[in-house]
Amino acid sequence: MNNPFCSYNIIASDTSNLPPYSGKLQEYWMAGNGIFLRSHRPELEVCLPVANITVDNLPHIQPYFRLVPPKVPASTISEIIHICLEAGDREVLFYLDYTNQWQLHVPAQTASRTSVAAIESSFNSTYETAPIEIHSHAGAPACFSTQDDIEESGKFRIFAVIGSLPARPVISVRLGVYDRFFNIPTAWIFAV
């Protein structure tokens, strides 16, 4: 079966140079050290393990995560936390887009203590192109919920959640590659 969105590959030679991207949204690679998911967009390139297995006689793949723009500056994180504190016990949604520098966008939104969503009329190119999406959980822990899993599925971007406000702000970060999530260190994305 030919899948227009995914390619399935076996690495059979030296992996110091994986072949150029296929143009598919997702590439699965079987190697001696597991099965890897590779994908890219202008701001981000990844090749991460989805299954840790040993396959004899195949070369290994070195996983990688590359954020092309510089890390999000601490001043932007401070601004986000300030907006979250002003919102009190309501959640807040943010998008970070990159064009020569990080741009913070706060779309028109409906928010409560347990949910936040952009108002459909506020969807624009920022929603579609932003490499980073952040939302707050106010005083609740900075953990991704089942609802977050549903809402963030199908996108290829970095997701962050801010919680434990106002006492001690905490940021949790993960990478979403369409139908898979990978928890990643905050320091890979934010200059904190």
N, C-alpha and C. Protein backbone atom coordinates (compact mmCIF):
# COMPACT_ATOMS: atom_id res chain seq x y z
N MET A 1 0.84 -1.18 0.00
CA MET A 1 0.00 0.00 0.00
C MET A 1 0.89 1.24 0.00
N ASN A 2 0.60 2.18 -0.87
CA ASN A 2 1.36 3.41 -0.97
C ASN A 2 0.70 4.49 -0.12
N ASN A 3 1.40 4.94 0.93
CA ASN A 3 0.88 5.96 1.82
C ASN A 3 1.41 7.32 1.38
N PRO A 4 0.55 8.28 1.05
CA PRO A 4 1.04 9.58 0.58
C PRO A 4 1.69 10.42 1.68
N PHE A 5 1.52 10.05 2.95
CA PHE A 5 2.03 10.85 4.06
C PHE A 5 3.22 10.25 4.77
N CYS A 6 3.39 8.92 4.68
CA CYS A 6 4.45 8.22 5.41
C CYS A 6 5.28 7.37 4.47
N SER A 7 6.56 7.25 4.79
CA SER A 7 7.40 6.28 4.10
C SER A 7 7.96 5.32 5.14
N TYR A 8 8.19 4.09 4.74
CA TYR A 8 8.70 3.05 5.61
C TYR A 8 9.99 2.54 4.99
N ASN A 9 11.09 2.62 5.75
CA ASN A 9 12.41 2.37 5.20
C ASN A 9 13.22 1.48 6.12
N ILE A 10 14.20 0.80 5.54
CA ILE A 10 15.18 0.02 6.29
C ILE A 10 16.54 0.62 5.97
N ILE A 11 17.28 0.98 7.01
CA ILE A 11 18.61 1.54 6.79
C ILE A 11 19.56 0.37 6.54
N ALA A 12 20.18 0.37 5.41
CA ALA A 12 21.00 -0.78 5.04
C ALA A 12 22.46 -0.42 4.85
N SER A 13 22.81 0.88 4.97
CA SER A 13 24.21 1.27 4.80
C SER A 13 24.58 2.26 5.90
N ASP A 14 25.80 2.70 5.86
CA ASP A 14 26.32 3.63 6.87
C ASP A 14 25.33 4.78 7.08
N THR A 15 24.99 5.05 8.35
CA THR A 15 23.99 6.08 8.63
C THR A 15 24.59 7.42 9.00
N SER A 16 25.88 7.62 8.73
CA SER A 16 26.44 8.93 9.04
C SER A 16 25.73 10.01 8.22
N ASN A 17 25.18 9.61 7.09
CA ASN A 17 24.39 10.53 6.27
C ASN A 17 23.11 9.83 5.84
N LEU A 18 22.02 10.12 6.54
CA LEU A 18 20.73 9.61 6.08
C LEU A 18 20.42 10.26 4.73
N PRO A 19 19.66 9.60 3.89
CA PRO A 19 19.33 10.22 2.60
C PRO A 19 18.50 11.49 2.80
N PRO A 20 18.42 12.34 1.78
CA PRO A 20 17.59 13.54 1.90
C PRO A 20 16.15 13.16 2.25
N TYR A 21 15.44 14.10 2.84
CA TYR A 21 14.04 13.86 3.19
C TYR A 21 13.25 13.48 1.95
N SER A 22 12.30 12.59 2.14
CA SER A 22 11.54 12.05 1.02
C SER A 22 10.43 12.98 0.54
N GLY A 23 10.09 13.96 1.32
CA GLY A 23 8.94 14.81 0.98
C GLY A 23 7.67 14.33 1.69
N LYS A 24 7.74 13.19 2.34
CA LYS A 24 6.60 12.69 3.12
C LYS A 24 6.58 13.43 4.47
N LEU A 25 5.44 13.48 5.10
CA LEU A 25 5.34 14.13 6.41
C LEU A 25 6.10 13.36 7.48
N GLN A 26 6.07 12.04 7.39
CA GLN A 26 6.73 11.18 8.37
C GLN A 26 7.50 10.09 7.64
N GLU A 27 8.71 9.82 8.13
CA GLU A 27 9.50 8.71 7.62
C GLU A 27 9.82 7.79 8.78
N TYR A 28 9.49 6.53 8.65
CA TYR A 28 9.86 5.54 9.65
C TYR A 28 11.07 4.78 9.13
N TRP A 29 12.09 4.65 9.99
CA TRP A 29 13.33 3.99 9.62
C TRP A 29 13.61 2.84 10.59
N MET A 30 13.79 1.63 10.07
CA MET A 30 14.21 0.51 10.89
C MET A 30 15.73 0.44 10.81
N ALA A 31 16.37 0.37 11.98
CA ALA A 31 17.82 0.31 12.06
C ALA A 31 18.21 -0.75 13.09
N GLY A 32 19.49 -0.96 13.23
CA GLY A 32 19.97 -1.96 14.19
C GLY A 32 19.63 -1.63 15.62
N ASN A 33 19.41 -0.36 15.93
CA ASN A 33 19.10 0.05 17.30
C ASN A 33 17.66 0.51 17.49
N GLY A 34 16.75 0.13 16.59
CA GLY A 34 15.35 0.44 16.81
C GLY A 34 14.64 0.94 15.57
N ILE A 35 13.44 1.42 15.81
CA ILE A 35 12.64 2.04 14.75
C ILE A 35 12.54 3.51 15.10
N PHE A 36 12.82 4.35 14.12
CA PHE A 36 12.90 5.80 14.31
C PHE A 36 11.87 6.51 13.45
N LEU A 37 11.41 7.64 13.95
CA LEU A 37 10.51 8.53 13.21
C LEU A 37 11.32 9.77 12.86
N ARG A 38 11.36 10.09 11.57
CA ARG A 38 12.08 11.28 11.10
C ARG A 38 11.08 12.21 10.42
N SER A 39 11.19 13.51 10.75
CA SER A 39 10.33 14.51 10.13
C SER A 39 11.03 15.85 10.20
N HIS A 40 10.53 16.79 9.42
CA HIS A 40 11.14 18.12 9.43
C HIS A 40 10.13 19.18 8.99
N ARG A 41 10.43 20.39 9.38
CA ARG A 41 9.75 21.59 8.94
C ARG A 41 10.82 22.68 8.97
N PRO A 42 10.58 23.87 8.45
CA PRO A 42 11.67 24.85 8.36
C PRO A 42 12.37 25.14 9.70
N GLU A 43 11.64 25.10 10.81
CA GLU A 43 12.23 25.45 12.11
C GLU A 43 12.75 24.25 12.89
N LEU A 44 12.52 23.05 12.41
CA LEU A 44 12.72 21.88 13.25
C LEU A 44 13.03 20.65 12.42
N GLU A 45 14.01 19.85 12.88
CA GLU A 45 14.33 18.57 12.27
C GLU A 45 14.48 17.54 13.39
N VAL A 46 13.86 16.37 13.23
CA VAL A 46 13.93 15.35 14.27
C VAL A 46 14.07 13.96 13.67
N CYS A 47 14.74 13.12 14.42
CA CYS A 47 14.81 11.69 14.14
C CYS A 47 14.88 11.03 15.52
N LEU A 48 13.77 10.50 15.99
CA LEU A 48 13.66 10.01 17.36
C LEU A 48 13.15 8.57 17.38
N PRO A 49 13.59 7.79 18.38
CA PRO A 49 13.17 6.39 18.45
C PRO A 49 11.71 6.26 18.86
N VAL A 50 11.00 5.36 18.19
CA VAL A 50 9.62 5.04 18.57
C VAL A 50 9.53 3.61 19.10
N ALA A 51 10.56 2.81 18.85
CA ALA A 51 10.62 1.44 19.39
C ALA A 51 12.09 1.08 19.58
N ASN A 52 12.43 0.69 20.79
CA ASN A 52 13.80 0.29 21.09
C ASN A 52 13.91 -1.22 20.94
N ILE A 53 14.47 -1.63 19.82
CA ILE A 53 14.66 -3.04 19.55
C ILE A 53 16.04 -3.23 18.95
N THR A 54 16.51 -4.45 18.94
CA THR A 54 17.77 -4.76 18.29
C THR A 54 17.49 -5.56 17.03
N VAL A 55 18.03 -5.11 15.91
CA VAL A 55 17.89 -5.81 14.64
C VAL A 55 19.30 -6.13 14.16
N ASP A 56 19.65 -7.40 14.17
CA ASP A 56 20.99 -7.80 13.77
C ASP A 56 21.28 -7.41 12.33
N ASN A 57 22.54 -7.11 12.09
CA ASN A 57 23.08 -6.84 10.76
C ASN A 57 22.60 -5.55 10.11
N LEU A 58 21.99 -4.66 10.87
CA LEU A 58 21.63 -3.34 10.34
C LEU A 58 22.44 -2.28 11.07
N PRO A 59 22.86 -1.23 10.36
CA PRO A 59 23.57 -0.13 11.03
C PRO A 59 22.66 0.60 12.02
N HIS A 60 23.27 1.33 12.91
CA HIS A 60 22.52 2.11 13.90
C HIS A 60 22.27 3.51 13.37
N ILE A 61 21.20 4.11 13.87
CA ILE A 61 20.87 5.51 13.58
C ILE A 61 21.15 6.31 14.85
N GLN A 62 21.77 7.45 14.67
CA GLN A 62 21.98 8.37 15.78
C GLN A 62 20.78 9.31 15.85
N PRO A 63 19.98 9.26 16.93
CA PRO A 63 18.81 10.16 17.00
C PRO A 63 19.26 11.62 17.08
N TYR A 64 18.39 12.52 16.64
CA TYR A 64 18.71 13.94 16.75
C TYR A 64 17.44 14.77 16.89
N PHE A 65 17.64 15.96 17.42
CA PHE A 65 16.61 16.99 17.55
C PHE A 65 17.30 18.31 17.25
N ARG A 66 16.85 19.02 16.24
CA ARG A 66 17.46 20.29 15.86
C ARG A 66 16.41 21.38 15.80
N LEU A 67 16.54 22.34 16.70
CA LEU A 67 15.74 23.56 16.62
C LEU A 67 16.57 24.54 15.81
N VAL A 68 16.09 24.93 14.64
CA VAL A 68 16.87 25.76 13.72
C VAL A 68 17.01 27.19 14.25
N PRO A 69 15.92 27.88 14.67
CA PRO A 69 16.09 29.22 15.23
C PRO A 69 16.77 29.13 16.61
N PRO A 70 17.22 30.27 17.13
CA PRO A 70 17.75 30.26 18.50
C PRO A 70 16.65 29.91 19.50
N LYS A 71 17.07 29.54 20.70
CA LYS A 71 16.09 29.24 21.75
C LYS A 71 15.23 30.47 22.03
N VAL A 72 14.03 30.22 22.53
CA VAL A 72 13.12 31.30 22.92
C VAL A 72 13.76 32.03 24.10
N PRO A 73 13.91 33.37 24.01
CA PRO A 73 14.60 34.10 25.08
C PRO A 73 13.81 34.13 26.39
N ALA A 74 14.55 34.28 27.48
CA ALA A 74 13.95 34.33 28.81
C ALA A 74 12.95 35.49 28.93
N SER A 75 13.19 36.59 28.22
CA SER A 75 12.27 37.73 28.28
C SER A 75 10.89 37.36 27.74
N THR A 76 10.84 36.49 26.72
CA THR A 76 9.55 36.05 26.18
C THR A 76 8.84 35.16 27.19
N ILE A 77 9.59 34.29 27.84
CA ILE A 77 8.99 33.43 28.88
C ILE A 77 8.46 34.30 30.02
N SER A 78 9.20 35.32 30.41
CA SER A 78 8.73 36.22 31.47
C SER A 78 7.43 36.91 31.07
N GLU A 79 7.35 37.34 29.81
CA GLU A 79 6.12 37.98 29.32
C GLU A 79 4.94 37.01 29.36
N ILE A 80 5.18 35.76 28.95
CA ILE A 80 4.13 34.74 28.97
C ILE A 80 3.65 34.51 30.40
N ILE A 81 4.58 34.36 31.32
CA ILE A 81 4.20 34.12 32.73
C ILE A 81 3.44 35.31 33.28
N HIS A 82 3.85 36.53 32.93
CA HIS A 82 3.14 37.73 33.37
C HIS A 82 1.69 37.72 32.89
N ILE A 83 1.48 37.36 31.62
CA ILE A 83 0.11 37.29 31.07
C ILE A 83 -0.69 36.20 31.79
N CYS A 84 -0.06 35.08 32.08
CA CYS A 84 -0.74 33.99 32.81
C CYS A 84 -1.15 34.45 34.20
N LEU A 85 -0.27 35.16 34.88
CA LEU A 85 -0.59 35.65 36.23
C LEU A 85 -1.75 36.64 36.19
N GLU A 86 -1.80 37.49 35.16
CA GLU A 86 -2.91 38.44 35.02
C GLU A 86 -4.23 37.72 34.78
N ALA A 87 -4.17 36.53 34.15
CA ALA A 87 -5.39 35.77 33.85
C ALA A 87 -5.95 35.08 35.08
N GLY A 88 -5.22 35.08 36.17
CA GLY A 88 -5.71 34.46 37.40
C GLY A 88 -5.84 32.96 37.26
N ASP A 89 -7.04 32.43 37.54
CA ASP A 89 -7.23 30.98 37.50
C ASP A 89 -7.70 30.48 36.13
N ARG A 90 -7.73 31.36 35.12
CA ARG A 90 -8.11 30.95 33.77
C ARG A 90 -6.88 30.53 32.98
N GLU A 91 -7.05 29.54 32.10
CA GLU A 91 -5.98 29.13 31.22
C GLU A 91 -5.77 30.17 30.12
N VAL A 92 -4.58 30.19 29.53
CA VAL A 92 -4.26 31.13 28.44
C VAL A 92 -3.53 30.35 27.35
N LEU A 93 -3.80 30.70 26.09
CA LEU A 93 -3.19 30.05 24.93
C LEU A 93 -2.27 31.04 24.22
N PHE A 94 -1.09 30.54 23.80
CA PHE A 94 -0.10 31.36 23.11
C PHE A 94 0.44 30.59 21.90
N TYR A 95 0.86 31.34 20.89
CA TYR A 95 1.62 30.77 19.77
C TYR A 95 2.92 31.55 19.65
N LEU A 96 4.00 30.85 19.37
CA LEU A 96 5.28 31.49 19.09
C LEU A 96 5.66 31.18 17.66
N ASP A 97 5.87 32.24 16.90
CA ASP A 97 6.25 32.12 15.50
C ASP A 97 7.63 32.74 15.35
N TYR A 98 8.37 32.28 14.34
CA TYR A 98 9.72 32.79 14.16
C TYR A 98 9.91 33.38 12.76
N THR A 99 10.24 34.67 12.72
CA THR A 99 10.66 35.35 11.50
C THR A 99 11.74 36.33 11.93
N ASN A 100 12.98 35.95 11.84
CA ASN A 100 14.13 36.74 12.29
C ASN A 100 14.22 36.88 13.82
N GLN A 101 13.12 36.72 14.51
CA GLN A 101 13.08 36.66 15.97
C GLN A 101 11.76 36.03 16.39
N TRP A 102 11.69 35.58 17.64
CA TRP A 102 10.46 34.97 18.14
C TRP A 102 9.39 36.03 18.32
N GLN A 103 8.19 35.73 17.82
CA GLN A 103 7.03 36.62 17.93
C GLN A 103 5.98 35.92 18.78
N LEU A 104 5.53 36.58 19.84
CA LEU A 104 4.50 36.04 20.72
C LEU A 104 3.13 36.49 20.24
N HIS A 105 2.22 35.53 20.08
CA HIS A 105 0.84 35.82 19.66
C HIS A 105 -0.11 35.26 20.71
N VAL A 106 -1.06 36.07 21.12
CA VAL A 106 -2.12 35.64 22.03
C VAL A 106 -3.42 35.77 21.25
N PRO A 107 -3.93 34.65 20.70
CA PRO A 107 -5.13 34.74 19.87
C PRO A 107 -6.37 35.07 20.69
N ALA A 108 -7.40 35.57 20.03
CA ALA A 108 -8.70 35.70 20.70
C ALA A 108 -9.10 34.30 21.15
N GLN A 109 -9.57 34.18 22.38
CA GLN A 109 -9.80 32.85 22.94
C GLN A 109 -10.90 32.85 23.97
N THR A 110 -11.44 31.66 24.19
CA THR A 110 -12.37 31.44 25.29
C THR A 110 -11.62 30.58 26.29
N ALA A 111 -11.71 30.96 27.56
CA ALA A 111 -10.92 30.27 28.58
C ALA A 111 -11.72 30.10 29.86
N SER A 112 -11.40 29.02 30.55
CA SER A 112 -11.96 28.76 31.87
C SER A 112 -10.82 28.24 32.75
N ARG A 113 -11.18 27.74 33.91
CA ARG A 113 -10.15 27.17 34.81
C ARG A 113 -9.55 25.89 34.26
N THR A 114 -10.28 25.20 33.38
CA THR A 114 -9.81 23.88 32.92
C THR A 114 -9.67 23.74 31.42
N SER A 115 -9.89 24.82 30.68
CA SER A 115 -9.76 24.70 29.22
C SER A 115 -9.50 26.07 28.60
N VAL A 116 -8.93 26.02 27.40
CA VAL A 116 -8.73 27.23 26.61
C VAL A 116 -8.75 26.82 25.15
N ALA A 117 -9.35 27.67 24.32
CA ALA A 117 -9.39 27.39 22.88
C ALA A 117 -9.42 28.71 22.13
N ALA A 118 -8.70 28.75 21.04
CA ALA A 118 -8.74 29.94 20.18
C ALA A 118 -10.13 30.03 19.56
N ILE A 119 -10.63 31.23 19.45
CA ILE A 119 -11.91 31.44 18.77
C ILE A 119 -11.66 31.23 17.29
N GLU A 120 -12.52 30.44 16.66
CA GLU A 120 -12.28 30.01 15.28
C GLU A 120 -11.97 31.16 14.34
N SER A 121 -12.63 32.30 14.52
CA SER A 121 -12.39 33.43 13.61
C SER A 121 -10.99 34.00 13.79
N SER A 122 -10.31 33.64 14.88
CA SER A 122 -8.95 34.15 15.09
C SER A 122 -7.89 33.25 14.45
N PHE A 123 -8.32 32.11 13.88
CA PHE A 123 -7.36 31.24 13.20
C PHE A 123 -6.78 32.01 12.02
N ASN A 124 -5.50 32.03 11.94
CA ASN A 124 -4.83 32.71 10.83
C ASN A 124 -3.56 31.95 10.53
N SER A 125 -2.70 32.56 9.76
CA SER A 125 -1.48 31.86 9.39
C SER A 125 -0.61 31.55 10.61
N THR A 126 -0.69 32.36 11.67
CA THR A 126 0.10 32.08 12.87
C THR A 126 -0.31 30.75 13.48
N TYR A 127 -1.61 30.51 13.59
CA TYR A 127 -2.08 29.23 14.12
C TYR A 127 -1.56 28.08 13.27
N GLU A 128 -1.59 28.26 11.97
CA GLU A 128 -1.19 27.19 11.06
C GLU A 128 0.31 26.98 10.99
N THR A 129 1.09 28.04 11.16
CA THR A 129 2.53 27.93 10.95
C THR A 129 3.38 27.96 12.20
N ALA A 130 2.84 28.37 13.33
CA ALA A 130 3.65 28.51 14.54
C ALA A 130 4.32 27.19 14.92
N PRO A 131 5.63 27.22 15.14
CA PRO A 131 6.30 25.99 15.55
C PRO A 131 6.12 25.66 17.03
N ILE A 132 5.66 26.65 17.83
CA ILE A 132 5.48 26.41 19.27
C ILE A 132 4.10 26.87 19.69
N GLU A 133 3.41 26.01 20.45
CA GLU A 133 2.10 26.31 21.03
C GLU A 133 2.23 26.11 22.54
N ILE A 134 1.80 27.09 23.30
CA ILE A 134 1.91 27.05 24.76
C ILE A 134 0.53 27.33 25.35
N HIS A 135 0.20 26.66 26.44
CA HIS A 135 -0.98 27.05 27.20
C HIS A 135 -0.68 26.89 28.68
N SER A 136 -1.46 27.58 29.48
CA SER A 136 -1.23 27.53 30.93
C SER A 136 -2.26 26.63 31.58
N HIS A 137 -1.88 26.12 32.73
CA HIS A 137 -2.80 25.37 33.59
C HIS A 137 -3.03 26.11 34.90
N ALA A 138 -2.69 27.39 34.92
CA ALA A 138 -2.85 28.24 36.10
C ALA A 138 -2.19 27.56 37.31
N GLY A 139 -2.94 27.31 38.37
CA GLY A 139 -2.37 26.72 39.58
C GLY A 139 -2.17 25.22 39.52
N ALA A 140 -2.72 24.57 38.51
CA ALA A 140 -2.58 23.11 38.38
C ALA A 140 -1.16 22.76 37.90
N PRO A 141 -0.77 21.51 38.08
CA PRO A 141 0.58 21.11 37.64
C PRO A 141 0.77 21.26 36.13
N ALA A 142 2.03 21.40 35.73
CA ALA A 142 2.39 21.54 34.31
C ALA A 142 2.51 20.15 33.69
N CYS A 143 1.38 19.48 33.60
CA CYS A 143 1.32 18.13 33.01
C CYS A 143 0.33 18.15 31.85
N PHE A 144 0.66 17.42 30.79
CA PHE A 144 -0.25 17.34 29.65
C PHE A 144 -1.41 16.41 30.00
N SER A 145 -2.61 16.89 29.76
CA SER A 145 -3.81 16.13 30.08
C SER A 145 -4.26 15.29 28.90
N THR A 146 -5.22 14.42 29.14
CA THR A 146 -5.82 13.64 28.06
C THR A 146 -6.46 14.56 27.04
N GLN A 147 -7.09 15.64 27.50
CA GLN A 147 -7.67 16.62 26.58
C GLN A 147 -6.59 17.29 25.74
N ASP A 148 -5.43 17.58 26.35
CA ASP A 148 -4.31 18.14 25.59
C ASP A 148 -3.88 17.17 24.49
N ASP A 149 -3.82 15.87 24.83
CA ASP A 149 -3.44 14.85 23.83
C ASP A 149 -4.37 14.90 22.62
N ILE A 150 -5.65 15.03 22.89
CA ILE A 150 -6.65 15.05 21.81
C ILE A 150 -6.48 16.30 20.96
N GLU A 151 -6.38 17.46 21.61
CA GLU A 151 -6.32 18.74 20.90
C GLU A 151 -5.00 18.93 20.15
N GLU A 152 -3.91 18.32 20.63
CA GLU A 152 -2.60 18.53 20.03
C GLU A 152 -2.23 17.46 19.02
N SER A 153 -3.02 16.43 18.92
CA SER A 153 -2.75 15.36 17.97
C SER A 153 -2.95 15.87 16.54
N GLY A 154 -2.15 15.35 15.62
CA GLY A 154 -2.28 15.72 14.22
C GLY A 154 -1.44 16.92 13.82
N LYS A 155 -0.67 17.47 14.74
CA LYS A 155 0.16 18.64 14.45
C LYS A 155 1.64 18.27 14.59
N PHE A 156 2.48 18.95 13.88
CA PHE A 156 3.92 18.79 14.03
C PHE A 156 4.45 20.11 14.59
N ARG A 157 4.57 20.17 15.91
CA ARG A 157 5.08 21.37 16.56
C ARG A 157 5.51 21.03 17.98
N ILE A 158 6.10 22.00 18.62
CA ILE A 158 6.50 21.90 20.01
C ILE A 158 5.34 22.41 20.85
N PHE A 159 5.03 21.67 21.90
CA PHE A 159 3.96 22.06 22.82
C PHE A 159 4.56 22.27 24.20
N ALA A 160 4.07 23.30 24.88
CA ALA A 160 4.50 23.53 26.26
C ALA A 160 3.28 23.85 27.10
N VAL A 161 3.36 23.46 28.35
CA VAL A 161 2.30 23.80 29.31
C VAL A 161 2.99 24.40 30.54
N ILE A 162 2.40 25.50 31.03
CA ILE A 162 2.92 26.20 32.20
C ILE A 162 1.93 25.97 33.33
N GLY A 163 2.44 25.59 34.48
CA GLY A 163 1.57 25.35 35.63
C GLY A 163 2.22 25.78 36.92
N SER A 164 1.55 25.44 38.04
CA SER A 164 2.00 25.75 39.40
C SER A 164 2.14 27.26 39.62
N LEU A 165 1.22 28.02 39.00
CA LEU A 165 1.23 29.47 39.17
C LEU A 165 0.33 29.86 40.33
N PRO A 166 0.59 30.90 41.04
CA PRO A 166 1.71 31.81 40.91
C PRO A 166 2.93 31.40 41.73
N ALA A 167 2.80 30.42 42.59
CA ALA A 167 3.85 30.09 43.55
C ALA A 167 5.20 29.79 42.91
N ARG A 168 5.22 28.82 42.01
CA ARG A 168 6.49 28.39 41.41
C ARG A 168 6.23 27.93 39.98
N PRO A 169 6.32 28.84 39.02
CA PRO A 169 6.02 28.45 37.63
C PRO A 169 6.90 27.30 37.14
N VAL A 170 6.25 26.34 36.50
CA VAL A 170 6.94 25.18 35.93
C VAL A 170 6.51 25.06 34.47
N ILE A 171 7.45 24.72 33.59
CA ILE A 171 7.14 24.52 32.17
C ILE A 171 7.49 23.09 31.81
N SER A 172 6.54 22.39 31.20
CA SER A 172 6.79 21.06 30.65
C SER A 172 6.69 21.19 29.13
N VAL A 173 7.56 20.45 28.43
CA VAL A 173 7.64 20.58 26.98
C VAL A 173 7.60 19.20 26.33
N ARG A 174 6.92 19.13 25.19
CA ARG A 174 6.95 17.91 24.39
C ARG A 174 6.90 18.28 22.91
N LEU A 175 7.35 17.34 22.12
CA LEU A 175 7.30 17.48 20.68
C LEU A 175 6.16 16.62 20.18
N GLY A 176 5.31 17.20 19.35
CA GLY A 176 4.24 16.43 18.70
C GLY A 176 4.61 16.22 17.25
N VAL A 177 4.68 14.96 16.84
CA VAL A 177 4.92 14.63 15.44
C VAL A 177 3.68 13.87 14.98
N TYR A 178 2.66 14.65 14.63
CA TYR A 178 1.37 14.17 14.15
C TYR A 178 0.68 13.29 15.18
N ASP A 179 0.93 11.99 15.21
CA ASP A 179 0.20 11.13 16.14
C ASP A 179 1.08 10.60 17.26
N ARG A 180 2.28 11.17 17.43
CA ARG A 180 3.20 10.73 18.49
C ARG A 180 3.69 11.93 19.28
N PHE A 181 3.92 11.71 20.57
CA PHE A 181 4.45 12.76 21.44
C PHE A 181 5.74 12.28 22.08
N PHE A 182 6.70 13.20 22.19
CA PHE A 182 7.99 12.93 22.81
C PHE A 182 8.25 14.01 23.85
N ASN A 183 8.38 13.63 25.12
CA ASN A 183 8.76 14.60 26.14
C ASN A 183 10.20 15.01 25.90
N ILE A 184 10.46 16.31 25.95
CA ILE A 184 11.80 16.81 25.70
C ILE A 184 12.19 17.80 26.80
N PRO A 185 13.48 17.99 27.03
CA PRO A 185 13.90 18.94 28.06
C PRO A 185 13.53 20.38 27.71
N THR A 186 13.11 21.11 28.70
CA THR A 186 12.75 22.53 28.52
C THR A 186 13.92 23.31 27.95
N ALA A 187 15.14 22.97 28.36
CA ALA A 187 16.34 23.69 27.93
C ALA A 187 16.62 23.54 26.44
N TRP A 188 16.00 22.56 25.77
CA TRP A 188 16.18 22.44 24.32
C TRP A 188 15.47 23.55 23.56
N ILE A 189 14.45 24.15 24.19
CA ILE A 189 13.61 25.14 23.52
C ILE A 189 13.73 26.54 24.12
N PHE A 190 13.78 26.61 25.43
CA PHE A 190 13.72 27.89 26.13
C PHE A 190 15.05 28.23 26.80
N ALA A 191 15.49 29.46 26.66
CA ALA A 191 16.69 29.94 27.32
C ALA A 191 16.30 30.38 28.73
N VAL A 192 16.18 29.42 29.63
CA VAL A 192 15.77 29.71 31.00
C VAL A 192 16.90 29.45 31.97
